């Protein structure tokens, strides 16, 4: 097995761990949303990598073509991108409301304000 030939999977692992680290290690809510988006992008790359067939063509019947590529993973990723944009917009709207209510978007300060009241 060629480890260097699987570079796209190494990129997926790096992006997943980087996104996960940002979500866990950062207290700023905007940074957490960015980390979630990085993690989500790594899942997109993973699905697209698995859906690629070497030498495969679009599933259109033609003479001389025997190796077809399945378009379903790519279509599912397009749907996931739309859902990801919508959830990011919702997350940003919630951060705006939290900022209005607490005056901060730092997680530790929000917990401290909740404990004091």
C-alpha atoms as a PDB file:
ATOM      1  CA  UNK A   1       0.000   0.000   0.000  1.00  0.00           C
ATOM      2  CA  UNK A   2       1.402   3.358  -1.048  1.00  0.00           C
ATOM      3  CA  UNK A   3       1.093   5.849   1.829  1.00  0.00           C
ATOM      4  CA  UNK A   4       2.113   8.829  -0.312  1.00  0.00           C
ATOM      5  CA  UNK A   5      -0.553   7.971  -2.888  1.00  0.00           C
ATOM      6  CA  UNK A   6      -3.229   8.393  -0.251  1.00  0.00           C
ATOM      7  CA  UNK A   7      -2.405  12.058   0.369  1.00  0.00           C
ATOM      8  CA  UNK A   8      -6.062  13.122   0.141  1.00  0.00           C
ATOM      9  CA  UNK A   9      -6.889  10.966   3.156  1.00  0.00           C
ATOM     10  CA  UNK A  10      -4.010  12.546   5.078  1.00  0.00           C
ATOM     11  CA  UNK A  11      -5.482  15.944   4.239  1.00  0.00           C
ATOM     12  CA  UNK A  12      -8.863  14.760   5.531  1.00  0.00           C
ATOM     13  CA  UNK A  13      -7.324  13.573   8.802  1.00  0.00           C
ATOM     14  CA  UNK A  14      -5.410  16.837   9.226  1.00  0.00           C
ATOM     15  CA  UNK A  15      -8.503  18.968   8.563  1.00  0.00           C
ATOM     16  CA  UNK A  16     -10.623  16.860  10.910  1.00  0.00           C
ATOM     17  CA  UNK A  17      -8.131  17.123  13.747  1.00  0.00           C
ATOM     18  CA  UNK A  18      -7.560  20.847  13.157  1.00  0.00           C
ATOM     19  CA  UNK A  19     -11.303  21.559  13.166  1.00  0.00           C
ATOM     20  CA  UNK A  20     -11.858  19.387  16.229  1.00  0.00           C
ATOM     21  CA  UNK A  21      -8.994  21.106  18.064  1.00  0.00           C
ATOM     22  CA  UNK A  22     -10.398  24.557  17.327  1.00  0.00           C
ATOM     23  CA  UNK A  23     -13.847  23.538  18.601  1.00  0.00           C
ATOM     24  CA  UNK A  24     -12.438  22.077  21.822  1.00  0.00           C
ATOM     25  CA  UNK A  25      -9.595  24.503  22.595  1.00  0.00           C
ATOM     26  CA  UNK A  26     -11.098  27.891  21.745  1.00  0.00           C
ATOM     27  CA  UNK A  27     -13.600  29.784  23.884  1.00  0.00           C
ATOM     28  CA  UNK A  28     -14.662  32.292  21.244  1.00  0.00           C
ATOM     29  CA  UNK A  29     -17.968  31.234  19.694  1.00  0.00           C
ATOM     30  CA  UNK A  30     -17.040  32.520  16.217  1.00  0.00           C
ATOM     31  CA  UNK A  31     -13.827  30.470  16.299  1.00  0.00           C
ATOM     32  CA  UNK A  32     -15.868  27.429  17.302  1.00  0.00           C
ATOM     33  CA  UNK A  33     -18.108  27.923  14.266  1.00  0.00           C
ATOM     34  CA  UNK A  34     -15.054  28.208  12.027  1.00  0.00           C
ATOM     35  CA  UNK A  35     -13.706  24.969  13.542  1.00  0.00           C
ATOM     36  CA  UNK A  36     -16.997  23.226  12.834  1.00  0.00           C
ATOM     37  CA  UNK A  37     -16.862  24.434   9.228  1.00  0.00           C
ATOM     38  CA  UNK A  38     -13.296  23.128   8.833  1.00  0.00           C
ATOM     39  CA  UNK A  39     -14.391  19.767  10.252  1.00  0.00           C
ATOM     40  CA  UNK A  40     -17.355  19.750   7.886  1.00  0.00           C
ATOM     41  CA  UNK A  41     -15.124  20.524   4.905  1.00  0.00           C
ATOM     42  CA  UNK A  42     -12.957  17.532   5.796  1.00  0.00           C
ATOM     43  CA  UNK A  43     -16.020  15.283   5.631  1.00  0.00           C
ATOM     44  CA  UNK A  44     -16.836  16.723   2.203  1.00  0.00           C
ATOM     45  CA  UNK A  45     -13.335  15.954   0.956  1.00  0.00           C
ATOM     46  CA  UNK A  46     -13.578  12.426   2.393  1.00  0.00           C
ATOM     47  CA  UNK A  47     -16.830  11.645   0.590  1.00  0.00           C
ATOM     48  CA  UNK A  48     -15.622  13.141  -2.685  1.00  0.00           C
ATOM     49  CA  UNK A  49     -12.371  11.151  -2.418  1.00  0.00           C
ATOM     50  CA  UNK A  50     -14.255   7.909  -1.885  1.00  0.00           C
ATOM     51  CA  UNK A  51     -16.666   8.677  -4.730  1.00  0.00           C
ATOM     52  CA  UNK A  52     -13.939   9.142  -7.343  1.00  0.00           C
ATOM     53  CA  UNK A  53     -13.374   6.199  -9.679  1.00  0.00           C
ATOM     54  CA  UNK A  54     -10.069   6.231 -11.554  1.00  0.00           C
ATOM     55  CA  UNK A  55     -10.800   6.184 -15.250  1.00  0.00           C
ATOM     56  CA  UNK A  56     -14.525   6.441 -14.640  1.00  0.00           C
ATOM     57  CA  UNK A  57     -16.753   8.628 -16.763  1.00  0.00           C
ATOM     58  CA  UNK A  58     -20.186  10.145 -16.324  1.00  0.00           C
ATOM     59  CA  UNK A  59     -22.923   7.494 -16.265  1.00  0.00           C
ATOM     60  CA  UNK A  60     -24.020   8.097 -19.854  1.00  0.00           C
ATOM     61  CA  UNK A  61     -24.251   5.000 -22.006  1.00  0.00           C
ATOM     62  CA  UNK A  62     -21.896   5.247 -24.971  1.00  0.00           C
ATOM     63  CA  UNK A  63     -19.894   2.852 -27.113  1.00  0.00           C
ATOM     64  CA  UNK A  64     -16.559   1.733 -25.749  1.00  0.00           C
ATOM     65  CA  UNK A  65     -17.162   2.980 -22.187  1.00  0.00           C
ATOM     66  CA  UNK A  66     -17.314   0.314 -19.507  1.00  0.00           C
ATOM     67  CA  UNK A  67     -16.152   2.113 -16.360  1.00  0.00           C
ATOM     68  CA  UNK A  68     -18.664   4.534 -14.895  1.00  0.00           C
ATOM     69  CA  UNK A  69     -18.390   6.838 -11.898  1.00  0.00           C
ATOM     70  CA  UNK A  70     -21.298   7.050  -9.456  1.00  0.00           C
ATOM     71  CA  UNK A  71     -22.577  10.655  -9.193  1.00  0.00           C
ATOM     72  CA  UNK A  72     -24.505  10.066  -5.956  1.00  0.00           C
ATOM     73  CA  UNK A  73     -21.696  10.983  -3.493  1.00  0.00           C
ATOM     74  CA  UNK A  74     -21.117  14.268  -5.314  1.00  0.00           C
ATOM     75  CA  UNK A  75     -24.820  15.105  -5.299  1.00  0.00           C
ATOM     76  CA  UNK A  76     -25.035  14.334  -1.594  1.00  0.00           C
ATOM     77  CA  UNK A  77     -22.095  16.649  -0.931  1.00  0.00           C
ATOM     78  CA  UNK A  78     -23.787  19.472  -2.838  1.00  0.00           C
ATOM     79  CA  UNK A  79     -26.817  19.028  -0.591  1.00  0.00           C
ATOM     80  CA  UNK A  80     -24.581  18.918   2.485  1.00  0.00           C
ATOM     81  CA  UNK A  81     -22.886  22.163   1.441  1.00  0.00           C
ATOM     82  CA  UNK A  82     -26.268  23.917   1.251  1.00  0.00           C
ATOM     83  CA  UNK A  83     -27.253  22.549   4.654  1.00  0.00           C
ATOM     84  CA  UNK A  84     -23.840  23.585   6.031  1.00  0.00           C
ATOM     85  CA  UNK A  85     -24.301  27.165   4.847  1.00  0.00           C
ATOM     86  CA  UNK A  86     -27.739  27.280   6.456  1.00  0.00           C
ATOM     87  CA  UNK A  87     -26.506  25.912   9.784  1.00  0.00           C
ATOM     88  CA  UNK A  88     -23.566  28.338   9.755  1.00  0.00           C
ATOM     89  CA  UNK A  89     -25.977  31.224   9.192  1.00  0.00           C
ATOM     90  CA  UNK A  90     -28.113  29.997  12.089  1.00  0.00           C
ATOM     91  CA  UNK A  91     -25.029  29.666  14.301  1.00  0.00           C
ATOM     92  CA  UNK A  92     -23.921  33.199  13.473  1.00  0.00           C
ATOM     93  CA  UNK A  93     -27.426  34.509  14.216  1.00  0.00           C
ATOM     94  CA  UNK A  94     -27.300  32.771  17.602  1.00  0.00           C
ATOM     95  CA  UNK A  95     -23.887  34.296  18.312  1.00  0.00           C
ATOM     96  CA  UNK A  96     -25.328  37.751  17.567  1.00  0.00           C
ATOM     97  CA  UNK A  97     -28.197  37.132  19.993  1.00  0.00           C
ATOM     98  CA  UNK A  98     -25.813  35.814  22.653  1.00  0.00           C
ATOM     99  CA  UNK A  99     -23.657  38.929  22.200  1.00  0.00           C
ATOM    100  CA  UNK A 100     -26.734  41.130  22.686  1.00  0.00           C
ATOM    101  CA  UNK A 101     -27.818  39.240  25.800  1.00  0.00           C
ATOM    102  CA  UNK A 102     -24.441  38.800  27.523  1.00  0.00           C
ATOM    103  CA  UNK A 103     -22.223  41.460  25.965  1.00  0.00           C
ATOM    104  CA  UNK A 104     -19.566  38.886  25.054  1.00  0.00           C
ATOM    105  CA  UNK A 105     -18.987  35.871  22.827  1.00  0.00           C
ATOM    106  CA  UNK A 106     -16.363  34.249  25.048  1.00  0.00           C
ATOM    107  CA  UNK A 107     -17.629  30.965  26.462  1.00  0.00           C
ATOM    108  CA  UNK A 108     -15.919  31.328  29.863  1.00  0.00           C
ATOM    109  CA  UNK A 109     -17.353  34.806  30.425  1.00  0.00           C
ATOM    110  CA  UNK A 110     -20.856  33.613  29.496  1.00  0.00           C
ATOM    111  CA  UNK A 111     -20.610  30.738  32.004  1.00  0.00           C
ATOM    112  CA  UNK A 112     -19.344  33.140  34.660  1.00  0.00           C
ATOM    113  CA  UNK A 113     -22.240  35.547  34.035  1.00  0.00           C
ATOM    114  CA  UNK A 114     -24.734  32.660  34.231  1.00  0.00           C
ATOM    115  CA  UNK A 115     -23.232  31.408  37.510  1.00  0.00           C
ATOM    116  CA  UNK A 116     -23.329  34.879  39.088  1.00  0.00           C
ATOM    117  CA  UNK A 117     -27.004  35.438  38.349  1.00  0.00           C
END
